[in-house]
């Protein structure tokens, strides 16, 4: 039996904390793509827009490779930590407090048929 083709899309250096983005990717893992798109549309988190774009890009890649788009499931949805941009906020009496601006790499993989 041949392995199913997997189609992956990545948004690198997304300006959102990985912890916040993981809340959204956990919602769509192991779901049908249409169900995942509906969930993302009504999720009031900022990361939902980013994850939606990545999912649609993976679906478009699958469509280009002539995969059956009606049978696609989210095989993997994960968020990896990207580089942290370090800034400093001036405080009283000459002190400075660090501000960590975290970035993420959002990875979504779609595959024909559900995961076994």
N, C-alpha and C. Protein backbone atom coordinates (compact mmCIF):
# COMPACT_ATOMS: atom_id res chain seq x y z
N UNK A 1 0.84 -1.18 0.00
CA UNK A 1 0.00 0.00 0.00
C UNK A 1 0.88 1.25 0.00
N UNK A 2 0.59 2.16 -0.91
CA UNK A 2 1.39 3.38 -1.01
C UNK A 2 0.99 4.37 0.07
N UNK A 3 1.97 5.14 0.53
CA UNK A 3 1.69 6.17 1.53
C UNK A 3 0.87 7.29 0.91
N UNK A 4 0.04 7.91 1.73
CA UNK A 4 -0.75 9.05 1.28
C UNK A 4 0.16 10.26 1.15
N UNK A 5 -0.13 11.07 0.15
CA UNK A 5 0.65 12.30 -0.05
C UNK A 5 0.24 13.33 0.99
N UNK A 6 1.23 13.99 1.55
CA UNK A 6 0.98 15.04 2.54
C UNK A 6 1.41 16.37 1.94
N UNK A 7 0.64 17.41 2.24
CA UNK A 7 0.89 18.74 1.71
C UNK A 7 1.06 19.69 2.88
N UNK A 8 2.22 20.34 2.94
CA UNK A 8 2.58 21.17 4.10
C UNK A 8 2.73 22.62 3.68
N UNK A 9 2.30 23.50 4.58
CA UNK A 9 2.50 24.93 4.39
C UNK A 9 3.00 25.51 5.71
N UNK A 10 3.91 26.50 5.62
CA UNK A 10 4.55 27.05 6.81
C UNK A 10 4.49 28.59 6.75
N UNK A 11 4.09 29.19 7.86
CA UNK A 11 4.22 30.64 8.03
C UNK A 11 5.35 30.85 9.02
N UNK A 12 6.48 31.32 8.51
CA UNK A 12 7.64 31.50 9.36
C UNK A 12 7.70 32.94 9.88
N UNK A 13 8.22 33.10 11.07
CA UNK A 13 8.42 34.39 11.72
C UNK A 13 7.09 35.14 11.94
N UNK A 14 6.03 34.42 12.25
CA UNK A 14 4.75 35.06 12.55
C UNK A 14 4.89 35.84 13.86
N UNK A 15 4.42 37.07 13.88
CA UNK A 15 4.61 37.92 15.07
C UNK A 15 3.52 37.66 16.09
N UNK A 16 3.54 36.45 16.64
CA UNK A 16 2.63 36.09 17.72
C UNK A 16 3.36 35.08 18.59
N UNK A 17 3.06 35.10 19.86
CA UNK A 17 3.69 34.17 20.79
C UNK A 17 3.26 32.73 20.46
N UNK A 18 4.19 31.78 20.51
CA UNK A 18 3.82 30.40 20.22
C UNK A 18 2.76 29.87 21.17
N UNK A 19 2.79 30.32 22.39
CA UNK A 19 1.82 29.85 23.38
C UNK A 19 0.39 30.24 22.97
N UNK A 20 0.24 31.44 22.43
CA UNK A 20 -1.07 31.90 22.00
C UNK A 20 -1.52 31.20 20.72
N UNK A 21 -0.57 30.97 19.82
CA UNK A 21 -0.92 30.33 18.54
C UNK A 21 -1.25 28.85 18.73
N UNK A 22 -0.63 28.20 19.70
CA UNK A 22 -0.90 26.78 19.93
C UNK A 22 -2.34 26.53 20.37
N UNK A 23 -2.95 27.50 21.05
CA UNK A 23 -4.35 27.35 21.45
C UNK A 23 -5.24 27.16 20.23
N UNK A 24 -4.92 27.84 19.13
CA UNK A 24 -5.73 27.76 17.93
C UNK A 24 -5.42 26.50 17.13
N UNK A 25 -4.13 26.13 17.03
CA UNK A 25 -3.80 24.95 16.24
C UNK A 25 -4.31 23.67 16.88
N UNK A 26 -4.44 23.66 18.20
CA UNK A 26 -4.98 22.47 18.86
C UNK A 26 -6.46 22.27 18.53
N UNK A 27 -7.16 23.34 18.18
CA UNK A 27 -8.57 23.24 17.81
C UNK A 27 -8.77 22.46 16.51
N UNK A 28 -7.85 22.63 15.55
CA UNK A 28 -8.09 22.07 14.22
C UNK A 28 -7.38 20.76 13.96
N UNK A 29 -6.55 20.30 14.87
CA UNK A 29 -5.78 19.07 14.64
C UNK A 29 -6.72 17.88 14.46
N UNK A 30 -6.43 17.05 13.46
CA UNK A 30 -7.17 15.81 13.14
C UNK A 30 -8.62 16.06 12.76
N UNK A 31 -8.92 17.17 12.13
CA UNK A 31 -10.28 17.46 11.67
C UNK A 31 -10.31 17.55 10.15
N UNK A 32 -11.50 17.42 9.59
CA UNK A 32 -11.70 17.63 8.16
C UNK A 32 -11.43 19.10 7.87
N UNK A 33 -10.89 19.41 6.69
CA UNK A 33 -10.49 20.79 6.41
C UNK A 33 -11.66 21.76 6.42
N UNK A 34 -12.83 21.34 5.94
CA UNK A 34 -13.99 22.24 5.96
C UNK A 34 -14.41 22.56 7.38
N UNK A 35 -14.37 21.56 8.25
CA UNK A 35 -14.71 21.77 9.66
C UNK A 35 -13.67 22.69 10.31
N UNK A 36 -12.41 22.50 9.96
CA UNK A 36 -11.34 23.33 10.51
C UNK A 36 -11.49 24.79 10.06
N UNK A 37 -11.85 25.00 8.78
CA UNK A 37 -12.04 26.36 8.29
C UNK A 37 -13.21 27.04 8.99
N UNK A 38 -14.30 26.29 9.24
CA UNK A 38 -15.43 26.86 9.97
C UNK A 38 -15.04 27.23 11.40
N UNK A 39 -14.28 26.37 12.06
CA UNK A 39 -13.83 26.66 13.42
C UNK A 39 -12.97 27.93 13.45
N UNK A 40 -12.05 28.04 12.49
CA UNK A 40 -11.16 29.19 12.47
C UNK A 40 -11.91 30.49 12.17
N UNK A 41 -12.95 30.39 11.35
CA UNK A 41 -13.72 31.58 11.00
C UNK A 41 -14.39 32.19 12.23
N UNK A 42 -14.83 31.33 13.16
CA UNK A 42 -15.56 31.82 14.32
C UNK A 42 -14.73 31.82 15.61
N UNK A 43 -13.44 31.64 15.50
CA UNK A 43 -12.56 31.71 16.66
C UNK A 43 -12.09 33.15 16.84
N UNK A 44 -12.35 33.76 17.99
CA UNK A 44 -12.03 35.18 18.17
C UNK A 44 -10.58 35.46 18.56
N UNK A 45 -9.66 34.64 18.16
CA UNK A 45 -8.25 34.85 18.50
C UNK A 45 -7.51 35.41 17.29
N UNK A 46 -6.49 36.21 17.54
CA UNK A 46 -5.71 36.81 16.48
C UNK A 46 -4.97 35.76 15.65
N UNK A 47 -4.55 34.68 16.30
CA UNK A 47 -3.82 33.63 15.61
C UNK A 47 -4.69 32.88 14.62
N UNK A 48 -6.01 32.94 14.78
CA UNK A 48 -6.91 32.20 13.88
C UNK A 48 -6.77 32.68 12.44
N UNK A 49 -6.52 33.96 12.24
CA UNK A 49 -6.35 34.49 10.89
C UNK A 49 -5.08 33.93 10.26
N UNK A 50 -4.01 33.86 11.02
CA UNK A 50 -2.74 33.35 10.52
C UNK A 50 -2.83 31.86 10.20
N UNK A 51 -3.44 31.09 11.10
CA UNK A 51 -3.57 29.65 10.90
C UNK A 51 -4.48 29.38 9.71
N UNK A 52 -5.52 30.20 9.53
CA UNK A 52 -6.44 30.05 8.40
C UNK A 52 -5.69 30.22 7.07
N UNK A 53 -4.81 31.22 7.00
CA UNK A 53 -4.05 31.44 5.77
C UNK A 53 -3.12 30.27 5.47
N UNK A 54 -2.50 29.73 6.51
CA UNK A 54 -1.59 28.60 6.31
C UNK A 54 -2.37 27.37 5.86
N UNK A 55 -3.52 27.12 6.47
CA UNK A 55 -4.36 25.98 6.08
C UNK A 55 -4.83 26.11 4.64
N UNK A 56 -5.26 27.31 4.24
CA UNK A 56 -5.70 27.51 2.86
C UNK A 56 -4.55 27.34 1.87
N UNK A 57 -3.34 27.72 2.26
CA UNK A 57 -2.17 27.53 1.40
C UNK A 57 -1.86 26.05 1.22
N UNK A 58 -1.98 25.27 2.30
CA UNK A 58 -1.75 23.83 2.20
C UNK A 58 -2.82 23.17 1.32
N UNK A 59 -4.07 23.65 1.44
CA UNK A 59 -5.15 23.11 0.61
C UNK A 59 -4.92 23.46 -0.87
N UNK A 60 -4.45 24.66 -1.14
CA UNK A 60 -4.16 25.08 -2.51
C UNK A 60 -3.03 24.25 -3.10
N UNK A 61 -2.03 23.94 -2.29
CA UNK A 61 -0.93 23.08 -2.73
C UNK A 61 -1.44 21.69 -3.08
N UNK A 62 -2.35 21.16 -2.25
CA UNK A 62 -2.94 19.85 -2.53
C UNK A 62 -3.75 19.89 -3.81
N UNK A 63 -4.46 20.99 -4.03
CA UNK A 63 -5.27 21.13 -5.25
C UNK A 63 -4.38 21.19 -6.48
N UNK A 64 -3.24 21.87 -6.38
CA UNK A 64 -2.29 21.95 -7.49
C UNK A 64 -1.73 20.58 -7.87
N UNK A 65 -1.54 19.73 -6.86
CA UNK A 65 -0.98 18.40 -7.10
C UNK A 65 -2.07 17.37 -7.45
N UNK A 66 -3.28 17.87 -7.74
CA UNK A 66 -4.44 17.04 -8.11
C UNK A 66 -4.84 16.05 -7.03
N UNK A 67 -4.81 16.46 -5.80
CA UNK A 67 -5.33 15.64 -4.70
C UNK A 67 -6.83 15.91 -4.60
N UNK A 68 -7.55 14.99 -3.99
CA UNK A 68 -8.98 15.15 -3.81
C UNK A 68 -9.21 16.08 -2.62
N UNK A 69 -9.60 17.32 -2.89
CA UNK A 69 -9.72 18.34 -1.84
C UNK A 69 -10.87 18.02 -0.89
N UNK A 70 -11.88 17.29 -1.35
CA UNK A 70 -13.02 16.95 -0.49
C UNK A 70 -12.66 15.91 0.57
N UNK A 71 -11.55 15.21 0.39
CA UNK A 71 -11.14 14.16 1.31
C UNK A 71 -10.02 14.60 2.25
N UNK A 72 -9.65 15.88 2.22
CA UNK A 72 -8.49 16.33 3.00
C UNK A 72 -8.82 16.48 4.48
N UNK A 73 -7.87 16.04 5.29
CA UNK A 73 -7.93 16.20 6.74
C UNK A 73 -6.67 16.89 7.21
N UNK A 74 -6.77 17.61 8.32
CA UNK A 74 -5.59 18.25 8.91
C UNK A 74 -4.80 17.14 9.61
N UNK A 75 -3.69 16.78 9.03
CA UNK A 75 -2.87 15.69 9.57
C UNK A 75 -2.03 16.18 10.74
N UNK A 76 -1.50 17.40 10.59
CA UNK A 76 -0.63 17.97 11.63
C UNK A 76 -0.82 19.47 11.67
N UNK A 77 -0.94 20.02 12.85
CA UNK A 77 -1.00 21.47 13.03
C UNK A 77 -0.16 21.78 14.26
N UNK A 78 0.99 22.40 14.03
CA UNK A 78 1.87 22.67 15.17
C UNK A 78 2.45 24.07 15.06
N UNK A 79 2.94 24.55 16.19
CA UNK A 79 3.58 25.87 16.25
C UNK A 79 4.94 25.69 16.89
N UNK A 80 5.97 26.05 16.16
CA UNK A 80 7.33 26.02 16.69
C UNK A 80 7.74 27.43 17.08
N UNK A 81 8.67 27.51 18.01
CA UNK A 81 9.14 28.81 18.47
C UNK A 81 10.14 29.38 17.48
N UNK A 82 9.95 30.65 17.13
CA UNK A 82 10.89 31.35 16.26
C UNK A 82 11.84 32.18 17.10
N UNK A 83 12.63 33.03 16.46
CA UNK A 83 13.55 33.87 17.22
C UNK A 83 12.80 34.93 18.02
N UNK A 84 13.37 35.31 19.14
CA UNK A 84 12.77 36.33 20.00
C UNK A 84 13.45 37.66 19.75
N UNK A 85 12.63 38.69 19.51
CA UNK A 85 13.15 40.04 19.32
C UNK A 85 13.22 40.68 20.71
N UNK A 86 14.39 41.15 21.09
CA UNK A 86 14.57 41.69 22.44
C UNK A 86 14.58 43.22 22.40
N UNK A 87 13.72 43.80 23.23
CA UNK A 87 13.64 45.25 23.35
C UNK A 87 13.69 45.61 24.83
N UNK A 88 13.93 46.88 25.13
CA UNK A 88 13.99 47.32 26.52
C UNK A 88 13.07 48.51 26.74
N UNK A 89 12.39 48.52 27.87
CA UNK A 89 11.46 49.58 28.25
C UNK A 89 12.13 50.40 29.35
N UNK A 90 12.27 51.70 29.16
CA UNK A 90 12.87 52.50 30.23
C UNK A 90 11.94 52.58 31.44
N UNK A 91 12.55 52.47 32.62
CA UNK A 91 11.79 52.54 33.87
C UNK A 91 12.39 53.62 34.76
N UNK A 92 11.82 53.76 35.93
CA UNK A 92 12.26 54.83 36.82
C UNK A 92 13.69 54.62 37.33
N UNK A 93 14.34 55.70 37.68
CA UNK A 93 15.69 55.74 38.25
C UNK A 93 16.73 55.07 37.35
N UNK A 94 16.58 55.24 36.05
CA UNK A 94 17.60 54.76 35.11
C UNK A 94 17.58 53.28 34.83
N UNK A 95 16.58 52.59 35.28
CA UNK A 95 16.51 51.15 35.05
C UNK A 95 15.87 50.86 33.69
N UNK A 96 16.05 49.63 33.23
CA UNK A 96 15.43 49.19 31.98
C UNK A 96 14.89 47.78 32.19
N UNK A 97 13.68 47.55 31.72
CA UNK A 97 13.08 46.22 31.81
C UNK A 97 13.01 45.62 30.41
N UNK A 98 13.38 44.33 30.30
CA UNK A 98 13.37 43.70 28.97
C UNK A 98 11.95 43.39 28.50
N UNK A 99 11.73 43.54 27.20
CA UNK A 99 10.48 43.15 26.54
C UNK A 99 10.87 42.08 25.52
N UNK A 100 10.27 40.91 25.64
CA UNK A 100 10.55 39.81 24.71
C UNK A 100 9.42 39.73 23.69
N UNK A 101 9.72 40.05 22.45
CA UNK A 101 8.71 39.95 21.38
C UNK A 101 8.92 38.62 20.68
N UNK A 102 8.08 37.68 21.01
CA UNK A 102 8.25 36.31 20.53
C UNK A 102 7.66 36.12 19.13
N UNK A 103 8.28 35.24 18.36
CA UNK A 103 7.78 34.91 17.03
C UNK A 103 7.52 33.41 16.95
N UNK A 104 6.76 33.00 15.93
CA UNK A 104 6.36 31.61 15.78
C UNK A 104 6.55 31.15 14.35
N UNK A 105 6.68 29.85 14.20
CA UNK A 105 6.63 29.20 12.89
C UNK A 105 5.40 28.30 12.93
N UNK A 106 4.38 28.64 12.15
CA UNK A 106 3.13 27.88 12.14
C UNK A 106 3.19 26.88 10.99
N UNK A 107 3.03 25.58 11.30
CA UNK A 107 3.12 24.51 10.32
C UNK A 107 1.79 23.75 10.28
N UNK A 108 1.22 23.65 9.07
CA UNK A 108 -0.01 22.88 8.89
C UNK A 108 0.20 21.89 7.75
N UNK A 109 -0.11 20.61 8.01
CA UNK A 109 0.00 19.55 7.01
C UNK A 109 -1.36 18.94 6.80
N UNK A 110 -1.78 18.86 5.54
CA UNK A 110 -3.05 18.20 5.20
C UNK A 110 -2.75 16.92 4.43
N UNK A 111 -3.65 15.95 4.57
CA UNK A 111 -3.45 14.65 3.96
C UNK A 111 -4.82 14.10 3.56
N UNK A 112 -4.86 13.27 2.54
CA UNK A 112 -6.12 12.66 2.12
C UNK A 112 -6.49 11.56 3.11
N UNK A 113 -7.70 11.61 3.64
CA UNK A 113 -8.16 10.60 4.58
C UNK A 113 -7.75 10.91 6.01
N UNK A 114 -8.52 10.44 6.98
CA UNK A 114 -8.18 10.70 8.39
C UNK A 114 -6.95 9.91 8.83
N UNK A 115 -6.36 10.38 9.92
CA UNK A 115 -5.19 9.70 10.50
C UNK A 115 -5.63 8.41 11.16
N UNK A 116 -4.82 7.38 11.02
CA UNK A 116 -5.19 6.07 11.59
C UNK A 116 -4.43 5.80 12.87
